[in-house]
Amino acid sequence: MISPFRSFLHACESGMICAQKIAHGWELLMNELTLKVRIAAMIGSVGLTAAYAHVSAAAEQVTLPAPIVAVPGERAAADMLRAARHFYSFWNSGDDAQLKLAISPHFVDRTLPVGRPQGPEGPAYASKHFRGAVPDLNCEVQQLILAGDRVVAHLRFRGHFTGVFGSIQGTGAPIDFTATDILRIETGRITDNWHIEDNLTLMQQLGIVPKN
């Protein structure tokens, strides 16, 4: 079957076309082009719909852990808050006595940094070494959430780099970075800790990593 477009061109080339035929041929040509554009748009729409469906299907495949939704009783909540208060008083002051009141002898750091001892000695080691660089370090608890046997804390650490960090001598630069803790508490003592710190900001403030 010869398309209207080819018929129109053939008539033009043969010189046997009149104004009326030109108008009719032009109309057929426009109708054919319009149909092709509509078909292309439909195909594109179907492709986009399929792509979005694929993304949605992938998103639905994410597996979530069992949520901790239990609300601790009044006594349990008080014990959890007491342990958290001792733990963050330790980070705020460097007082090992506060740490001993907070953690269990079986304490485990679930996100143990390289070089830090595992167990109850780990936080004391970290605090001592970091205070060697930032002697006036203080810790502010900005958010605290209790759920089941967990305490989630959003923290802000501030001070001044006046000491020594590795081989770098501080010049008094301000230190200000955030961290988040998840604590597991059993019978009023912290047994497990998952923690993450904004180490990039800290390293930039210590002058180890260049700022953007």
Protein backbone atom coordinates (compact mmCIF):
# COMPACT_ATOMS: atom_id res chain seq x y z
CA MET A 1 0.00 0.00 0.00
CA ILE A 2 1.37 3.41 -1.02
CA SER A 3 1.17 5.98 1.75
CA PRO A 4 -0.56 9.34 1.19
CA PHE A 5 2.81 11.01 1.61
CA ARG A 6 4.39 9.02 -1.24
CA SER A 7 1.33 9.60 -3.47
CA PHE A 8 1.55 13.30 -2.79
CA LEU A 9 5.23 13.42 -3.73
CA HIS A 10 4.64 11.36 -6.88
CA ALA A 11 1.90 13.68 -8.04
CA CYS A 12 4.05 16.72 -7.43
CA GLU A 13 6.96 15.25 -9.39
CA SER A 14 4.80 14.23 -12.38
CA GLY A 15 3.44 17.73 -12.74
CA MET A 16 -0.11 16.35 -12.99
CA ILE A 17 -1.53 17.94 -9.84
CA CYS A 18 -3.85 20.83 -9.48
CA ALA A 19 -4.44 23.16 -6.56
CA GLN A 20 -7.32 21.04 -5.37
CA LYS A 21 -5.21 17.91 -5.39
CA ILE A 22 -2.44 19.75 -3.56
CA ALA A 23 -4.86 20.72 -0.82
CA HIS A 24 -6.24 17.19 -0.60
CA GLY A 25 -2.77 15.68 -0.54
CA TRP A 26 -1.62 18.08 2.14
CA GLU A 27 -4.62 17.13 4.29
CA LEU A 28 -3.83 13.42 3.92
CA LEU A 29 -0.20 14.11 4.77
CA MET A 30 -1.14 15.98 7.95
CA ASN A 31 -3.52 13.21 8.99
CA GLU A 32 -0.77 10.60 8.57
CA LEU A 33 1.76 12.63 10.54
CA THR A 34 -0.75 13.32 13.32
CA LEU A 35 -1.51 9.59 13.61
CA LYS A 36 2.21 8.74 13.84
CA VAL A 37 2.75 11.35 16.53
CA ARG A 38 -0.15 9.97 18.55
CA ILE A 39 1.15 6.41 18.26
CA ALA A 40 4.63 7.52 19.36
CA ALA A 41 3.15 9.37 22.33
CA MET A 42 1.16 6.27 23.35
CA ILE A 43 4.26 4.09 23.13
CA GLY A 44 6.24 6.61 25.20
CA SER A 45 3.47 6.76 27.78
CA VAL A 46 3.36 2.98 28.08
CA GLY A 47 7.17 2.91 28.45
CA LEU A 48 7.13 5.51 31.21
CA THR A 49 4.30 3.73 33.00
CA ALA A 50 6.24 0.47 32.85
CA ALA A 51 9.38 2.21 34.16
CA TYR A 52 7.50 3.74 37.09
CA ALA A 53 5.87 0.40 37.82
CA HIS A 54 9.34 -1.20 37.90
CA VAL A 55 10.60 1.43 40.36
CA SER A 56 7.52 0.99 42.56
CA ALA A 57 7.93 -2.78 42.54
CA ALA A 58 11.58 -2.44 43.55
CA ALA A 59 10.66 -0.08 46.38
CA GLU A 60 8.05 -2.52 47.68
CA GLN A 61 10.70 -5.26 47.94
CA VAL A 62 12.53 -3.53 50.83
CA THR A 63 12.43 -5.73 53.94
CA LEU A 64 11.96 -4.00 57.27
CA PRO A 65 13.06 -5.44 60.62
CA ALA A 66 10.48 -6.14 63.29
CA PRO A 67 9.64 -2.75 64.85
CA ILE A 68 10.18 -2.05 68.53
CA VAL A 69 6.85 -0.56 69.57
CA ALA A 70 6.50 -1.63 73.19
CA VAL A 71 6.23 1.25 75.60
CA PRO A 72 8.39 0.61 78.69
CA GLY A 73 6.63 0.64 82.04
CA GLU A 74 7.15 3.52 84.43
CA ARG A 75 9.82 1.74 86.46
CA ALA A 76 11.64 0.45 83.37
CA ALA A 77 11.55 3.91 81.81
CA ALA A 78 13.02 5.44 84.95
CA ASP A 79 15.84 2.86 84.94
CA MET A 80 16.53 3.52 81.26
CA LEU A 81 16.62 7.27 81.77
CA ARG A 82 18.95 6.87 84.72
CA ALA A 83 21.38 4.77 82.68
CA ALA A 84 21.25 7.24 79.80
CA ARG A 85 21.80 10.18 82.14
CA HIS A 86 24.92 8.55 83.63
CA PHE A 87 26.22 7.61 80.19
CA TYR A 88 25.90 11.09 78.72
CA SER A 89 27.12 12.73 81.91
CA PHE A 90 30.26 10.66 81.34
CA TRP A 91 30.60 11.94 77.76
CA ASN A 92 29.93 15.47 78.97
CA SER A 93 32.54 15.39 81.73
CA GLY A 94 34.93 12.48 81.14
CA ASP A 95 34.12 11.19 84.65
CA ASP A 96 34.69 7.42 84.65
CA ALA A 97 32.51 7.04 87.76
CA GLN A 98 29.50 8.05 85.65
CA LEU A 99 30.43 5.46 83.04
CA LYS A 100 30.60 2.68 85.62
CA LEU A 101 27.09 3.55 86.79
CA ALA A 102 25.79 3.38 83.23
CA ILE A 103 27.12 0.27 81.51
CA SER A 104 26.96 -3.44 82.09
CA PRO A 105 30.11 -5.55 82.65
CA HIS A 106 29.00 -7.36 79.49
CA PHE A 107 28.73 -4.17 77.42
CA VAL A 108 29.28 -4.61 73.66
CA ASP A 109 30.00 -1.84 71.16
CA ARG A 110 28.14 -2.95 68.01
CA THR A 111 29.85 -0.36 65.79
CA LEU A 112 33.32 -0.59 67.25
CA PRO A 113 35.80 1.81 65.56
CA VAL A 114 39.20 0.52 64.56
CA GLY A 115 41.67 0.76 67.44
CA ARG A 116 39.07 1.04 70.23
CA PRO A 117 38.96 -1.79 72.80
CA GLN A 118 35.77 -3.83 72.93
CA GLY A 119 33.78 -4.00 76.16
CA PRO A 120 33.35 -1.55 79.07
CA GLU A 121 36.88 -0.15 78.56
CA GLY A 122 36.03 1.12 75.07
CA PRO A 123 34.09 4.30 75.93
CA ALA A 124 36.66 5.26 78.60
CA TYR A 125 39.48 4.82 76.07
CA ALA A 126 37.66 6.90 73.45
CA SER A 127 36.82 9.70 75.88
CA LYS A 128 40.36 9.92 77.24
CA HIS A 129 41.96 10.13 73.81
CA PHE A 130 39.47 12.59 72.40
CA ARG A 131 39.73 14.85 75.42
CA GLY A 132 43.47 14.92 74.77
CA ALA A 133 42.54 16.90 71.65
CA VAL A 134 39.43 18.71 72.94
CA PRO A 135 39.83 19.15 76.72
CA ASP A 136 36.69 21.27 77.09
CA LEU A 137 34.45 18.80 75.24
CA ASN A 138 30.81 18.87 76.27
CA CYS A 139 27.89 16.71 75.22
CA GLU A 140 24.34 17.99 74.80
CA VAL A 141 21.46 15.53 74.49
CA GLN A 142 19.11 17.18 72.00
CA GLN A 143 16.61 14.37 71.50
CA LEU A 144 15.84 11.23 73.53
CA ILE A 145 13.44 8.45 72.51
CA LEU A 146 12.48 5.39 74.55
CA ALA A 147 11.04 2.29 72.83
CA GLY A 148 10.99 -1.20 74.28
CA ASP A 149 14.44 -1.80 75.75
CA ARG A 150 16.11 0.85 73.55
CA VAL A 151 17.08 4.47 74.04
CA VAL A 152 17.80 6.57 70.95
CA ALA A 153 19.72 9.79 71.55
CA HIS A 154 20.62 12.59 69.16
CA LEU A 155 23.73 14.32 70.51
CA ARG A 156 25.72 17.47 69.90
CA PHE A 157 29.39 17.65 70.87
CA ARG A 158 31.16 21.00 71.19
CA GLY A 159 34.52 22.29 72.40
CA HIS A 160 37.83 23.68 71.13
CA PHE A 161 40.79 21.90 69.54
CA THR A 162 43.51 23.08 71.91
CA GLY A 163 45.23 19.74 72.52
CA VAL A 164 46.86 17.19 70.25
CA PHE A 165 45.17 14.79 67.86
CA GLY A 166 47.63 12.23 66.50
CA SER A 167 50.53 14.39 65.30
CA ILE A 168 48.45 17.56 64.89
CA GLN A 169 48.65 20.34 67.46
CA GLY A 170 45.39 22.20 67.89
CA THR A 171 45.16 25.97 67.53
CA GLY A 172 41.87 26.53 69.35
CA ALA A 173 39.54 25.82 66.40
CA PRO A 174 35.92 25.31 67.46
CA ILE A 175 34.59 21.75 67.41
CA ASP A 176 30.89 21.22 66.77
CA PHE A 177 29.48 17.96 65.41
CA THR A 178 26.53 15.63 65.94
CA ALA A 179 26.11 11.93 66.71
CA THR A 180 23.30 9.42 67.18
CA ASP A 181 23.23 6.54 69.67
CA ILE A 182 21.02 3.49 70.05
CA LEU A 183 21.39 1.96 73.49
CA ARG A 184 20.02 -1.38 74.63
CA ILE A 185 19.33 -1.38 78.35
CA GLU A 186 18.73 -4.38 80.59
CA THR A 187 18.05 -4.12 84.34
CA GLY A 188 19.14 -0.50 84.36
CA ARG A 189 22.49 -1.00 82.59
CA ILE A 190 23.57 -0.43 78.98
CA THR A 191 24.41 -3.77 77.38
CA ASP A 192 24.75 -2.73 73.73
CA ASN A 193 25.51 0.47 71.81
CA TRP A 194 25.13 1.27 68.11
CA HIS A 195 26.52 4.71 67.33
CA ILE A 196 27.32 6.93 64.36
CA GLU A 197 29.16 10.25 64.36
CA ASP A 198 29.50 13.03 61.80
CA ASN A 199 33.17 12.20 61.39
CA LEU A 200 33.57 14.16 58.15
CA THR A 201 32.65 17.41 59.91
CA LEU A 202 34.91 16.52 62.84
CA MET A 203 37.89 15.71 60.59
CA GLN A 204 37.41 19.00 58.74
CA GLN A 205 37.35 20.93 62.01
CA LEU A 206 40.49 19.15 63.20
CA GLY A 207 42.20 20.11 59.93
CA ILE A 208 42.74 16.51 58.81
CA VAL A 209 40.37 16.71 55.85
CA PRO A 210 40.12 19.89 53.73
CA LYS A 211 36.80 21.72 53.75
CA ASN A 212 34.88 22.02 50.52
